[in-house]
Amino acid sequence: MQRFMAHLSSPVDKSEFEVSWHNNPTLSSDPRVEFAFVGQTVSAVVHSEAAGPWPSASFHQTFSAAIRRLNRACNVRWL
């Protein structure tokens, strides 16, 4: 299991984000990722036991792309 945390410069709706996340054609269903939104802070838990760890640079890029599909001006700061 891996955990990533980010702070967004603008609020993003969780349900809209999850649609954007799942619309990425390069993502498979494994590993499973759970997101929790508290204000503009997002935590992601990656259940990567079977698939091995997700390289952080790749996760950051995939996550940021999903955010930018919703709001091109939103910046992501990793915690």
PDB file of N, CA and C in Angstrom:
ATOM      1  N   MET A   1       0.847  -1.177   0.000  1.00  0.00           N
ATOM      2  CA  MET A   1       0.000   0.000   0.000  1.00  0.00           C
ATOM      3  C   MET A   1       0.889   1.236   0.000  1.00  0.00           C
ATOM      4  N   GLN A   2       0.471   2.233  -0.776  1.00  0.00           N
ATOM      5  CA  GLN A   2       1.176   3.507  -0.845  1.00  0.00           C
ATOM      6  C   GLN A   2       0.190   4.623  -0.540  1.00  0.00           C
ATOM      7  N   ARG A   3       0.711   5.728  -0.053  1.00  0.00           N
ATOM      8  CA  ARG A   3      -0.139   6.894   0.223  1.00  0.00           C
ATOM      9  C   ARG A   3       0.541   8.121  -0.371  1.00  0.00           C
ATOM     10  N   PHE A   4      -0.258   8.920  -1.063  1.00  0.00           N
ATOM     11  CA  PHE A   4       0.191  10.190  -1.618  1.00  0.00           C
ATOM     12  C   PHE A   4      -0.752  11.269  -1.106  1.00  0.00           C
ATOM     13  N   MET A   5      -0.204  12.450  -0.852  1.00  0.00           N
ATOM     14  CA  MET A   5      -1.033  13.582  -0.413  1.00  0.00           C
ATOM     15  C   MET A   5      -0.655  14.804  -1.240  1.00  0.00           C
ATOM     16  N   ALA A   6      -1.689  15.575  -1.580  1.00  0.00           N
ATOM     17  CA  ALA A   6      -1.469  16.776  -2.377  1.00  0.00           C
ATOM     18  C   ALA A   6      -2.404  17.876  -1.899  1.00  0.00           C
ATOM     19  N   HIS A   7      -1.962  19.106  -2.122  1.00  0.00           N
ATOM     20  CA  HIS A   7      -2.803  20.270  -1.857  1.00  0.00           C
ATOM     21  C   HIS A   7      -3.073  20.928  -3.201  1.00  0.00           C
ATOM     22  N   LEU A   8      -4.346  21.216  -3.476  1.00  0.00           N
ATOM     23  CA  LEU A   8      -4.751  21.824  -4.738  1.00  0.00           C
ATOM     24  C   LEU A   8      -4.936  23.323  -4.551  1.00  0.00           C
ATOM     25  N   SER A   9      -4.586  24.102  -5.565  1.00  0.00           N
ATOM     26  CA  SER A   9      -4.731  25.551  -5.468  1.00  0.00           C
ATOM     27  C   SER A   9      -6.181  25.989  -5.630  1.00  0.00           C
ATOM     28  N   SER A  10      -7.027  25.116  -6.165  1.00  0.00           N
ATOM     29  CA  SER A  10      -8.462  25.403  -6.339  1.00  0.00           C
ATOM     30  C   SER A  10      -9.247  24.167  -5.922  1.00  0.00           C
ATOM     31  N   PRO A  11     -10.439  24.348  -5.403  1.00  0.00           N
ATOM     32  CA  PRO A  11     -11.232  23.171  -5.040  1.00  0.00           C
ATOM     33  C   PRO A  11     -11.655  22.388  -6.283  1.00  0.00           C
ATOM     34  N   VAL A  12     -11.736  21.074  -6.115  1.00  0.00           N
ATOM     35  CA  VAL A  12     -12.164  20.172  -7.181  1.00  0.00           C
ATOM     36  C   VAL A  12     -13.213  19.244  -6.594  1.00  0.00           C
ATOM     37  N   ASP A  13     -14.282  19.029  -7.334  1.00  0.00           N
ATOM     38  CA  ASP A  13     -15.336  18.122  -6.896  1.00  0.00           C
ATOM     39  C   ASP A  13     -14.846  16.673  -6.997  1.00  0.00           C
ATOM     40  N   LYS A  14     -14.990  15.914  -5.911  1.00  0.00           N
ATOM     41  CA  LYS A  14     -14.482  14.544  -5.867  1.00  0.00           C
ATOM     42  C   LYS A  14     -15.106  13.673  -6.948  1.00  0.00           C
ATOM     43  N   SER A  15     -16.409  13.748  -7.132  1.00  0.00           N
ATOM     44  CA  SER A  15     -17.058  12.889  -8.128  1.00  0.00           C
ATOM     45  C   SER A  15     -16.602  13.250  -9.543  1.00  0.00           C
ATOM     46  N   GLU A  16     -16.427  14.537  -9.831  1.00  0.00           N
ATOM     47  CA  GLU A  16     -15.916  14.943 -11.144  1.00  0.00           C
ATOM     48  C   GLU A  16     -14.480  14.467 -11.330  1.00  0.00           C
ATOM     49  N   PHE A  17     -13.687  14.550 -10.262  1.00  0.00           N
ATOM     50  CA  PHE A  17     -12.309  14.068 -10.349  1.00  0.00           C
ATOM     51  C   PHE A  17     -12.278  12.572 -10.651  1.00  0.00           C
ATOM     52  N   GLU A  18     -13.096  11.801  -9.951  1.00  0.00           N
ATOM     53  CA  GLU A  18     -13.076  10.348 -10.154  1.00  0.00           C
ATOM     54  C   GLU A  18     -13.484   9.974 -11.572  1.00  0.00           C
ATOM     55  N   VAL A  19     -14.418  10.723 -12.167  1.00  0.00           N
ATOM     56  CA  VAL A  19     -14.770  10.487 -13.569  1.00  0.00           C
ATOM     57  C   VAL A  19     -13.557  10.776 -14.450  1.00  0.00           C
ATOM     58  N   SER A  20     -12.884  11.895 -14.196  1.00  0.00           N
ATOM     59  CA  SER A  20     -11.694  12.251 -14.958  1.00  0.00           C
ATOM     60  C   SER A  20     -10.601  11.198 -14.782  1.00  0.00           C
ATOM     61  N   TRP A  21     -10.408  10.724 -13.562  1.00  0.00           N
ATOM     62  CA  TRP A  21      -9.395   9.703 -13.266  1.00  0.00           C
ATOM     63  C   TRP A  21      -9.676   8.430 -14.067  1.00  0.00           C
ATOM     64  N   HIS A  22     -10.929   7.969 -14.049  1.00  0.00           N
ATOM     65  CA  HIS A  22     -11.282   6.715 -14.722  1.00  0.00           C
ATOM     66  C   HIS A  22     -11.366   6.857 -16.236  1.00  0.00           C
ATOM     67  N   ASN A  23     -11.426   8.088 -16.743  1.00  0.00           N
ATOM     68  CA  ASN A  23     -11.460   8.301 -18.193  1.00  0.00           C
ATOM     69  C   ASN A  23     -10.070   8.270 -18.826  1.00  0.00           C
ATOM     70  N   ASN A  24      -9.048   8.064 -18.031  1.00  0.00           N
ATOM     71  CA  ASN A  24      -7.689   7.966 -18.559  1.00  0.00           C
ATOM     72  C   ASN A  24      -7.528   6.590 -19.207  1.00  0.00           C
ATOM     73  N   PRO A  25      -7.333   6.547 -20.523  1.00  0.00           N
ATOM     74  CA  PRO A  25      -7.262   5.249 -21.209  1.00  0.00           C
ATOM     75  C   PRO A  25      -6.027   4.422 -20.853  1.00  0.00           C
ATOM     76  N   THR A  26      -5.002   5.037 -20.268  1.00  0.00           N
ATOM     77  CA  THR A  26      -3.790   4.286 -19.938  1.00  0.00           C
ATOM     78  C   THR A  26      -3.878   3.588 -18.585  1.00  0.00           C
ATOM     79  N   LEU A  27      -4.932   3.893 -17.794  1.00  0.00           N
ATOM     80  CA  LEU A  27      -5.067   3.272 -16.483  1.00  0.00           C
ATOM     81  C   LEU A  27      -5.798   1.946 -16.586  1.00  0.00           C
ATOM     82  N   SER A  28      -5.332   0.982 -15.829  1.00  0.00           N
ATOM     83  CA  SER A  28      -6.066  -0.274 -15.722  1.00  0.00           C
ATOM     84  C   SER A  28      -6.768  -0.279 -14.363  1.00  0.00           C
ATOM     85  N   SER A  29      -7.496  -1.317 -14.088  1.00  0.00           N
ATOM     86  CA  SER A  29      -8.198  -1.387 -12.797  1.00  0.00           C
ATOM     87  C   SER A  29      -7.249  -1.779 -11.667  1.00  0.00           C
ATOM     88  N   ASP A  30      -6.041  -2.176 -11.997  1.00  0.00           N
ATOM     89  CA  ASP A  30      -5.068  -2.559 -10.980  1.00  0.00           C
ATOM     90  C   ASP A  30      -3.847  -1.681 -11.119  1.00  0.00           C
ATOM     91  N   PRO A  31      -3.354  -1.029 -10.141  1.00  0.00           N
ATOM     92  CA  PRO A  31      -3.794  -1.106  -8.759  1.00  0.00           C
ATOM     93  C   PRO A  31      -5.016  -0.225  -8.501  1.00  0.00           C
ATOM     94  N   ARG A  32      -5.758  -0.586  -7.492  1.00  0.00           N
ATOM     95  CA  ARG A  32      -6.937   0.174  -7.071  1.00  0.00           C
ATOM     96  C   ARG A  32      -6.475   1.381  -6.256  1.00  0.00           C
ATOM     97  N   VAL A  33      -7.105   2.532  -6.517  1.00  0.00           N
ATOM     98  CA  VAL A  33      -6.751   3.772  -5.825  1.00  0.00           C
ATOM     99  C   VAL A  33      -8.005   4.358  -5.185  1.00  0.00           C
ATOM    100  N   GLU A  34      -7.896   4.720  -3.913  1.00  0.00           N
ATOM    101  CA  GLU A  34      -8.988   5.383  -3.192  1.00  0.00           C
ATOM    102  C   GLU A  34      -8.561   6.818  -2.898  1.00  0.00           C
ATOM    103  N   PHE A  35      -9.479   7.753  -3.151  1.00  0.00           N
ATOM    104  CA  PHE A  35      -9.198   9.168  -2.924  1.00  0.00           C
ATOM    105  C   PHE A  35     -10.082   9.704  -1.811  1.00  0.00           C
ATOM    106  N   ALA A  36      -9.511  10.585  -0.991  1.00  0.00           N
ATOM    107  CA  ALA A  36     -10.266  11.283   0.055  1.00  0.00           C
ATOM    108  C   ALA A  36      -9.971  12.769  -0.111  1.00  0.00           C
ATOM    109  N   PHE A  37     -11.029  13.555  -0.208  1.00  0.00           N
ATOM    110  CA  PHE A  37     -10.916  15.004  -0.369  1.00  0.00           C
ATOM    111  C   PHE A  37     -11.363  15.675   0.913  1.00  0.00           C
ATOM    112  N   VAL A  38     -10.508  16.538   1.476  1.00  0.00           N
ATOM    113  CA  VAL A  38     -10.849  17.356   2.634  1.00  0.00           C
ATOM    114  C   VAL A  38     -10.448  18.772   2.256  1.00  0.00           C
ATOM    115  N   GLY A  39     -11.448  19.555   1.893  1.00  0.00           N
ATOM    116  CA  GLY A  39     -11.149  20.891   1.391  1.00  0.00           C
ATOM    117  C   GLY A  39     -10.352  20.766   0.110  1.00  0.00           C
ATOM    118  N   GLN A  40      -9.201  21.391   0.077  1.00  0.00           N
ATOM    119  CA  GLN A  40      -8.342  21.342  -1.101  1.00  0.00           C
ATOM    120  C   GLN A  40      -7.187  20.359  -0.937  1.00  0.00           C
ATOM    121  N   THR A  41      -7.231  19.544   0.118  1.00  0.00           N
ATOM    122  CA  THR A  41      -6.225  18.513   0.332  1.00  0.00           C
ATOM    123  C   THR A  41      -6.787  17.172  -0.107  1.00  0.00           C
ATOM    124  N   VAL A  42      -5.994  16.443  -0.859  1.00  0.00           N
ATOM    125  CA  VAL A  42      -6.408  15.140  -1.380  1.00  0.00           C
ATOM    126  C   VAL A  42      -5.404  14.092  -0.919  1.00  0.00           C
ATOM    127  N   SER A  43      -5.929  12.989  -0.395  1.00  0.00           N
ATOM    128  CA  SER A  43      -5.047  11.858  -0.108  1.00  0.00           C
ATOM    129  C   SER A  43      -5.458  10.721  -1.031  1.00  0.00           C
ATOM    130  N   ALA A  44      -4.466   9.994  -1.483  1.00  0.00           N
ATOM    131  CA  ALA A  44      -4.689   8.852  -2.365  1.00  0.00           C
ATOM    132  C   ALA A  44      -4.015   7.642  -1.739  1.00  0.00           C
ATOM    133  N   VAL A  45      -4.764   6.570  -1.624  1.00  0.00           N
ATOM    134  CA  VAL A  45      -4.215   5.313  -1.127  1.00  0.00           C
ATOM    135  C   VAL A  45      -4.210   4.349  -2.304  1.00  0.00           C
ATOM    136  N   VAL A  46      -3.020   3.872  -2.642  1.00  0.00           N
ATOM    137  CA  VAL A  46      -2.850   2.943  -3.755  1.00  0.00           C
ATOM    138  C   VAL A  46      -2.672   1.552  -3.167  1.00  0.00           C
ATOM    139  N   HIS A  47      -3.566   0.668  -3.516  1.00  0.00           N
ATOM    140  CA  HIS A  47      -3.487  -0.725  -3.070  1.00  0.00           C
ATOM    141  C   HIS A  47      -2.667  -1.477  -4.118  1.00  0.00           C
ATOM    142  N   SER A  48      -1.361  -1.482  -3.923  1.00  0.00           N
ATOM    143  CA  SER A  48      -0.443  -1.956  -4.954  1.00  0.00           C
ATOM    144  C   SER A  48       0.250  -3.271  -4.612  1.00  0.00           C
ATOM    145  N   GLU A  49      -0.326  -4.045  -3.702  1.00  0.00           N
ATOM    146  CA  GLU A  49       0.335  -5.271  -3.275  1.00  0.00           C
ATOM    147  C   GLU A  49       0.592  -6.210  -4.456  1.00  0.00           C
ATOM    148  N   ALA A  50      -0.423  -6.452  -5.273  1.00  0.00           N
ATOM    149  CA  ALA A  50      -0.285  -7.406  -6.378  1.00  0.00           C
ATOM    150  C   ALA A  50       0.523  -6.825  -7.537  1.00  0.00           C
ATOM    151  N   ALA A  51       0.370  -5.534  -7.795  1.00  0.00           N
ATOM    152  CA  ALA A  51       1.001  -4.919  -8.956  1.00  0.00           C
ATOM    153  C   ALA A  51       2.389  -4.360  -8.664  1.00  0.00           C
ATOM    154  N   GLY A  52       2.780  -4.297  -7.415  1.00  0.00           N
ATOM    155  CA  GLY A  52       4.040  -3.660  -7.057  1.00  0.00           C
ATOM    156  C   GLY A  52       3.832  -2.167  -6.908  1.00  0.00           C
ATOM    157  N   PRO A  53       4.787  -1.459  -6.335  1.00  0.00           N
ATOM    158  CA  PRO A  53       4.611  -0.031  -6.078  1.00  0.00           C
ATOM    159  C   PRO A  53       4.496   0.778  -7.376  1.00  0.00           C
ATOM    160  N   TRP A  54       3.685   1.808  -7.310  1.00  0.00           N
ATOM    161  CA  TRP A  54       3.515   2.727  -8.425  1.00  0.00           C
ATOM    162  C   TRP A  54       4.589   3.792  -8.271  1.00  0.00           C
ATOM    163  N   PRO A  55       5.493   3.965  -9.233  1.00  0.00           N
ATOM    164  CA  PRO A  55       6.525   4.999  -9.102  1.00  0.00           C
ATOM    165  C   PRO A  55       5.886   6.369  -8.862  1.00  0.00           C
ATOM    166  N   SER A  56       6.398   7.082  -7.865  1.00  0.00           N
ATOM    167  CA  SER A  56       5.758   8.335  -7.464  1.00  0.00           C
ATOM    168  C   SER A  56       5.703   9.353  -8.601  1.00  0.00           C
ATOM    169  N   ALA A  57       6.743   9.467  -9.416  1.00  0.00           N
ATOM    170  CA  ALA A  57       6.724  10.443 -10.513  1.00  0.00           C
ATOM    171  C   ALA A  57       5.602  10.127 -11.501  1.00  0.00           C
ATOM    172  N   SER A  58       5.387   8.864 -11.769  1.00  0.00           N
ATOM    173  CA  SER A  58       4.324   8.448 -12.681  1.00  0.00           C
ATOM    174  C   SER A  58       2.946   8.720 -12.076  1.00  0.00           C
ATOM    175  N   PHE A  59       2.779   8.416 -10.779  1.00  0.00           N
ATOM    176  CA  PHE A  59       1.502   8.693 -10.119  1.00  0.00           C
ATOM    177  C   PHE A  59       1.224  10.186 -10.127  1.00  0.00           C
ATOM    178  N   HIS A  60       2.230  11.000  -9.774  1.00  0.00           N
ATOM    179  CA  HIS A  60       2.062  12.457  -9.739  1.00  0.00           C
ATOM    180  C   HIS A  60       1.616  12.965 -11.111  1.00  0.00           C
ATOM    181  N   GLN A  61       2.227  12.464 -12.171  1.00  0.00           N
ATOM    182  CA  GLN A  61       1.892  12.899 -13.529  1.00  0.00           C
ATOM    183  C   GLN A  61       0.454  12.501 -13.885  1.00  0.00           C
ATOM    184  N   THR A  62       0.066  11.271 -13.566  1.00  0.00           N
ATOM    185  CA  THR A  62      -1.281  10.789 -13.872  1.00  0.00           C
ATOM    186  C   THR A  62      -2.330  11.559 -13.086  1.00  0.00           C
ATOM    187  N   PHE A  63      -2.067  11.795 -11.798  1.00  0.00           N
ATOM    188  CA  PHE A  63      -2.989  12.545 -10.949  1.00  0.00           C
ATOM    189  C   PHE A  63      -3.127  13.978 -11.451  1.00  0.00           C
ATOM    190  N   SER A  64      -2.008  14.633 -11.719  1.00  0.00           N
ATOM    191  CA  SER A  64      -2.028  16.025 -12.173  1.00  0.00           C
ATOM    192  C   SER A  64      -2.778  16.157 -13.497  1.00  0.00           C
ATOM    193  N   ALA A  65      -2.629  15.188 -14.382  1.00  0.00           N
ATOM    194  CA  ALA A  65      -3.345  15.217 -15.664  1.00  0.00           C
ATOM    195  C   ALA A  65      -4.850  15.134 -15.437  1.00  0.00           C
ATOM    196  N   ALA A  66      -5.275  14.294 -14.497  1.00  0.00           N
ATOM    197  CA  ALA A  66      -6.706  14.177 -14.190  1.00  0.00           C
ATOM    198  C   ALA A  66      -7.244  15.487 -13.624  1.00  0.00           C
ATOM    199  N   ILE A  67      -6.470  16.157 -12.770  1.00  0.00           N
ATOM    200  CA  ILE A  67      -6.872  17.461 -12.220  1.00  0.00           C
ATOM    201  C   ILE A  67      -6.963  18.490 -13.328  1.00  0.00           C
ATOM    202  N   ARG A  68      -5.975  18.527 -14.203  1.00  0.00           N
ATOM    203  CA  ARG A  68      -5.929  19.550 -15.252  1.00  0.00           C
ATOM    204  C   ARG A  68      -7.018  19.355 -16.300  1.00  0.00           C
ATOM    205  N   ARG A  69      -7.523  18.133 -16.459  1.00  0.00           N
ATOM    206  CA  ARG A  69      -8.659  17.938 -17.363  1.00  0.00           C
ATOM    207  C   ARG A  69      -9.903  18.651 -16.821  1.00  0.00           C
ATOM    208  N   LEU A  70      -9.961  18.815 -15.498  1.00  0.00           N
ATOM    209  CA  LEU A  70     -11.088  19.513 -14.870  1.00  0.00           C
ATOM    210  C   LEU A  70     -10.858  21.017 -14.768  1.00  0.00           C
ATOM    211  N   ASN A  71      -9.621  21.413 -14.440  1.00  0.00           N
ATOM    212  CA  ASN A  71      -9.309  22.821 -14.214  1.00  0.00           C
ATOM    213  C   ASN A  71      -7.850  23.048 -14.596  1.00  0.00           C
ATOM    214  N   ARG A  72      -7.645  23.621 -15.776  1.00  0.00           N
ATOM    215  CA  ARG A  72      -6.276  23.805 -16.294  1.00  0.00           C
ATOM    216  C   ARG A  72      -5.440  24.737 -15.420  1.00  0.00           C
ATOM    217  N   ALA A  73      -6.091  25.594 -14.639  1.00  0.00           N
ATOM    218  CA  ALA A  73      -5.361  26.560 -13.814  1.00  0.00           C
ATOM    219  C   ALA A  73      -5.027  26.015 -12.430  1.00  0.00           C
ATOM    220  N   CYS A  74      -5.524  24.843 -12.081  1.00  0.00           N
ATOM    221  CA  CYS A  74      -5.299  24.289 -10.745  1.00  0.00           C
ATOM    222  C   CYS A  74      -3.889  23.725 -10.629  1.00  0.00           C
ATOM    223  N   ASN A  75      -3.172  24.167  -9.619  1.00  0.00           N
ATOM    224  CA  ASN A  75      -1.838  23.660  -9.350  1.00  0.00           C
ATOM    225  C   ASN A  75      -1.886  22.606  -8.264  1.00  0.00           C
ATOM    226  N   VAL A  76      -0.983  21.644  -8.364  1.00  0.00           N
ATOM    227  CA  VAL A  76      -0.889  20.552  -7.395  1.00  0.00           C
ATOM    228  C   VAL A  76       0.431  20.683  -6.676  1.00  0.00           C
ATOM    229  N   ARG A  77       0.365  20.728  -5.340  1.00  0.00           N
ATOM    230  CA  ARG A  77       1.580  20.759  -4.513  1.00  0.00           C
ATOM    231  C   ARG A  77       1.585  19.471  -3.703  1.00  0.00           C
ATOM    232  N   TRP A  78       2.618  18.669  -3.880  1.00  0.00           N
ATOM    233  CA  TRP A  78       2.710  17.377  -3.194  1.00  0.00           C
ATOM    234  C   TRP A  78       3.243  17.569  -1.788  1.00  0.00           C
ATOM    235  N   LEU A  79       2.609  16.909  -0.838  1.00  0.00           N
ATOM    236  CA  LEU A  79       2.975  17.010   0.578  1.00  0.00           C
ATOM    237  C   LEU A  79       3.770  15.790   0.997  1.00  0.00           C
TER     238      LEU A  79
END
